C-alpha atoms as a PDB file:
ATOM      1  CA  MET A   1      55.783  20.293 -78.764  1.00  0.00           C
ATOM      2  CA  SER A   2      54.456  22.769 -81.286  1.00  0.00           C
ATOM      3  CA  GLU A   3      51.809  22.059 -83.846  1.00  0.00           C
ATOM      4  CA  SER A   4      52.310  23.266 -87.362  1.00  0.00           C
ATOM      5  CA  LEU A   5      49.401  24.886 -89.099  1.00  0.00           C
ATOM      6  CA  PRO A   6      48.437  23.695 -92.557  1.00  0.00           C
ATOM      7  CA  LEU A   7      49.530  25.935 -95.397  1.00  0.00           C
ATOM      8  CA  THR A   8      46.830  27.946 -97.094  1.00  0.00           C
ATOM      9  CA  PRO A   9      47.417  27.706-100.839  1.00  0.00           C
ATOM     10  CA  ARG A  10      46.990  30.683-103.132  1.00  0.00           C
ATOM     11  CA  ILE A  11      44.072  29.660-105.343  1.00  0.00           C
ATOM     12  CA  PRO A  12      43.211  32.424-107.793  1.00  0.00           C
ATOM     13  CA  VAL A  13      39.972  32.323-109.746  1.00  0.00           C
ATOM     14  CA  LEU A  14      40.938  32.674-113.396  1.00  0.00           C
ATOM     15  CA  ILE A  15      37.406  33.099-114.753  1.00  0.00           C
ATOM     16  CA  THR A  16      33.766  32.576-113.766  1.00  0.00           C
ATOM     17  CA  GLY A  17      30.834  32.723-116.145  1.00  0.00           C
ATOM     18  CA  ALA A  18      27.560  31.468-117.484  1.00  0.00           C
ATOM     19  CA  ALA A  19      28.486  31.699-121.168  1.00  0.00           C
ATOM     20  CA  ALA A  20      31.318  30.693-123.465  1.00  0.00           C
ATOM     21  CA  GLY A  21      33.318  33.634-124.651  1.00  0.00           C
ATOM     22  CA  ALA A  22      36.555  35.538-124.800  1.00  0.00           C
ATOM     23  CA  PRO A  23      39.577  34.562-122.722  1.00  0.00           C
ATOM     24  CA  GLY A  24      39.883  35.893-119.198  1.00  0.00           C
ATOM     25  CA  GLU A  25      42.559  38.424-118.331  1.00  0.00           C
ATOM     26  CA  TRP A  26      46.181  37.356-118.032  1.00  0.00           C
ATOM     27  CA  LYS A  27      47.083  36.774-114.374  1.00  0.00           C
ATOM     28  CA  SER A  28      50.618  36.518-113.068  1.00  0.00           C
ATOM     29  CA  ARG A  29      51.815  33.255-111.577  1.00  0.00           C
ATOM     30  CA  THR A  30      54.875  32.058-109.728  1.00  0.00           C
ATOM     31  CA  GLY A  31      56.264  28.590-109.295  1.00  0.00           C
ATOM     32  CA  ASN A  32      56.636  25.778-111.760  1.00  0.00           C
ATOM     33  CA  ALA A  33      54.069  23.158-110.710  1.00  0.00           C
ATOM     34  CA  TRP A  34      50.454  24.170-111.301  1.00  0.00           C
ATOM     35  CA  SER A  35      47.032  22.579-111.135  1.00  0.00           C
ATOM     36  CA  TYR A  36      43.821  23.838-112.700  1.00  0.00           C
ATOM     37  CA  GLN A  37      40.248  22.931-111.761  1.00  0.00           C
ATOM     38  CA  LEU A  38      37.024  23.444-113.697  1.00  0.00           C
ATOM     39  CA  SER A  39      33.837  23.389-111.610  1.00  0.00           C
ATOM     40  CA  VAL A  40      30.336  23.708-113.049  1.00  0.00           C
ATOM     41  CA  ALA A  41      27.077  23.894-111.081  1.00  0.00           C
ATOM     42  CA  GLY A  42      23.458  24.314-112.081  1.00  0.00           C
ATOM     43  CA  THR A  43      20.157  22.436-112.017  1.00  0.00           C
ATOM     44  CA  GLY A  44      19.858  19.048-113.687  1.00  0.00           C
ATOM     45  CA  ALA A  45      22.285  18.083-116.438  1.00  0.00           C
ATOM     46  CA  VAL A  46      25.267  20.465-116.657  1.00  0.00           C
ATOM     47  CA  THR A  47      28.335  20.503-118.879  1.00  0.00           C
ATOM     48  CA  ALA A  48      31.281  22.856-119.279  1.00  0.00           C
ATOM     49  CA  ALA A  49      34.552  22.982-121.175  1.00  0.00           C
ATOM     50  CA  ALA A  50      37.529  25.300-120.843  1.00  0.00           C
ATOM     51  CA  THR A  51      41.074  25.851-122.054  1.00  0.00           C
ATOM     52  CA  ILE A  52      44.137  27.053-120.152  1.00  0.00           C
ATOM     53  CA  GLU A  53      46.784  29.167-121.852  1.00  0.00           C
ATOM     54  CA  VAL A  54      50.187  30.342-120.598  1.00  0.00           C
ATOM     55  CA  SER A  55      52.581  33.077-121.696  1.00  0.00           C
ATOM     56  CA  ASN A  56      55.862  34.723-120.767  1.00  0.00           C
ATOM     57  CA  ASP A  57      54.966  38.113-122.244  1.00  0.00           C
ATOM     58  CA  GLY A  58      51.219  38.322-121.497  1.00  0.00           C
ATOM     59  CA  VAL A  59      50.543  38.695-125.224  1.00  0.00           C
ATOM     60  CA  THR A  60      51.400  35.457-127.017  1.00  0.00           C
ATOM     61  CA  ALA A  61      49.108  32.615-125.871  1.00  0.00           C
ATOM     62  CA  LEU A  62      50.454  29.068-125.711  1.00  0.00           C
ATOM     63  CA  PRO A  63      48.099  26.121-125.077  1.00  0.00           C
ATOM     64  CA  PHE A  64      48.586  24.431-121.694  1.00  0.00           C
ATOM     65  CA  GLY A  65      45.568  22.122-121.541  1.00  0.00           C
ATOM     66  CA  SER A  66      41.828  21.529-121.825  1.00  0.00           C
ATOM     67  CA  LEU A  67      39.208  20.654-119.232  1.00  0.00           C
ATOM     68  CA  SER A  68      35.686  19.255-119.606  1.00  0.00           C
ATOM     69  CA  ALA A  69      33.068  18.220-117.077  1.00  0.00           C
ATOM     70  CA  SER A  70      29.512  16.896-117.152  1.00  0.00           C
ATOM     71  CA  GLY A  71      27.160  15.668-114.481  1.00  0.00           C
ATOM     72  CA  THR A  72      23.906  16.208-112.637  1.00  0.00           C
ATOM     73  CA  ASN A  73      23.755  19.490-110.673  1.00  0.00           C
ATOM     74  CA  SER A  74      27.569  19.755-110.490  1.00  0.00           C
ATOM     75  CA  ALA A  75      30.732  18.375-112.050  1.00  0.00           C
ATOM     76  CA  GLY A  76      34.446  19.019-112.189  1.00  0.00           C
ATOM     77  CA  ASP A  77      37.675  18.246-113.999  1.00  0.00           C
ATOM     78  CA  GLY A  78      41.310  19.004-113.333  1.00  0.00           C
ATOM     79  CA  ILE A  79      44.730  19.009-114.930  1.00  0.00           C
ATOM     80  CA  ASN A  80      48.211  19.653-113.621  1.00  0.00           C
ATOM     81  CA  GLY A  81      51.608  20.204-115.094  1.00  0.00           C
ATOM     82  CA  TYR A  82      55.058  21.635-114.763  1.00  0.00           C
ATOM     83  CA  ALA A  83      55.623  24.811-116.781  1.00  0.00           C
ATOM     84  CA  ALA A  84      57.510  27.896-115.629  1.00  0.00           C
ATOM     85  CA  TYR A  85      55.532  30.636-117.400  1.00  0.00           C
ATOM     86  CA  ALA A  86      54.913  34.140-116.056  1.00  0.00           C
ATOM     87  CA  TYR A  87      51.191  34.406-116.919  1.00  0.00           C
ATOM     88  CA  HIS A  88      48.123  32.222-117.304  1.00  0.00           C
ATOM     89  CA  ARG A  89      44.478  32.645-118.293  1.00  0.00           C
ATOM     90  CA  ALA A  90      41.396  30.537-118.914  1.00  0.00           C
ATOM     91  CA  THR A  91      38.603  30.540-121.470  1.00  0.00           C
ATOM     92  CA  ILE A  92      35.192  28.942-121.000  1.00  0.00           C
ATOM     93  CA  THR A  93      34.681  27.316-124.390  1.00  0.00           C
ATOM     94  CA  GLY A  94      31.278  25.736-123.751  1.00  0.00           C
ATOM     95  CA  ILE A  95      28.612  25.546-121.057  1.00  0.00           C
ATOM     96  CA  THR A  96      25.103  24.084-120.930  1.00  0.00           C
ATOM     97  CA  GLY A  97      22.473  23.499-118.283  1.00  0.00           C
ATOM     98  CA  THR A  98      19.809  25.406-116.413  1.00  0.00           C
ATOM     99  CA  GLY A  99      21.461  28.161-114.426  1.00  0.00           C
ATOM    100  CA  ALA A 100      24.900  26.667-115.104  1.00  0.00           C
ATOM    101  CA  ILE A 101      27.922  28.650-113.883  1.00  0.00           C
ATOM    102  CA  ALA A 102      31.508  27.533-114.566  1.00  0.00           C
ATOM    103  CA  THR A 103      34.562  28.553-112.539  1.00  0.00           C
ATOM    104  CA  ILE A 104      38.224  27.820-113.269  1.00  0.00           C
ATOM    105  CA  THR A 105      40.678  28.057-110.384  1.00  0.00           C
ATOM    106  CA  ALA A 106      44.427  27.511-110.243  1.00  0.00           C
ATOM    107  CA  ALA A 107      46.947  26.629-107.563  1.00  0.00           C
ATOM    108  CA  GLY A 108      50.711  26.616-107.840  1.00  0.00           C
ATOM    109  CA  VAL A 109      53.842  25.842-105.893  1.00  0.00           C
END
């Protein structure tokens, strides 16, 4: 009897930062079903917000969804959906908290 190993998903980091700002770079994606996760960590009360955009040409941005998280020392939020687009990117739209860093990751199948 053989044991099957668990699959290791491809989980690209779309953007990491300590300040709200411009969108991250377009990154290619494959598959139709995608999930996105916002994680924020710092000291004490932390909050972060982000948007996800998709595109077929890597130029025209279409809104896919928004994420927001708040907590003490760390927090997270996630969204998922079914959209067969060629590219995706994230933008950190707000972040507060001492030493707060936000990261948006994605996984698709």
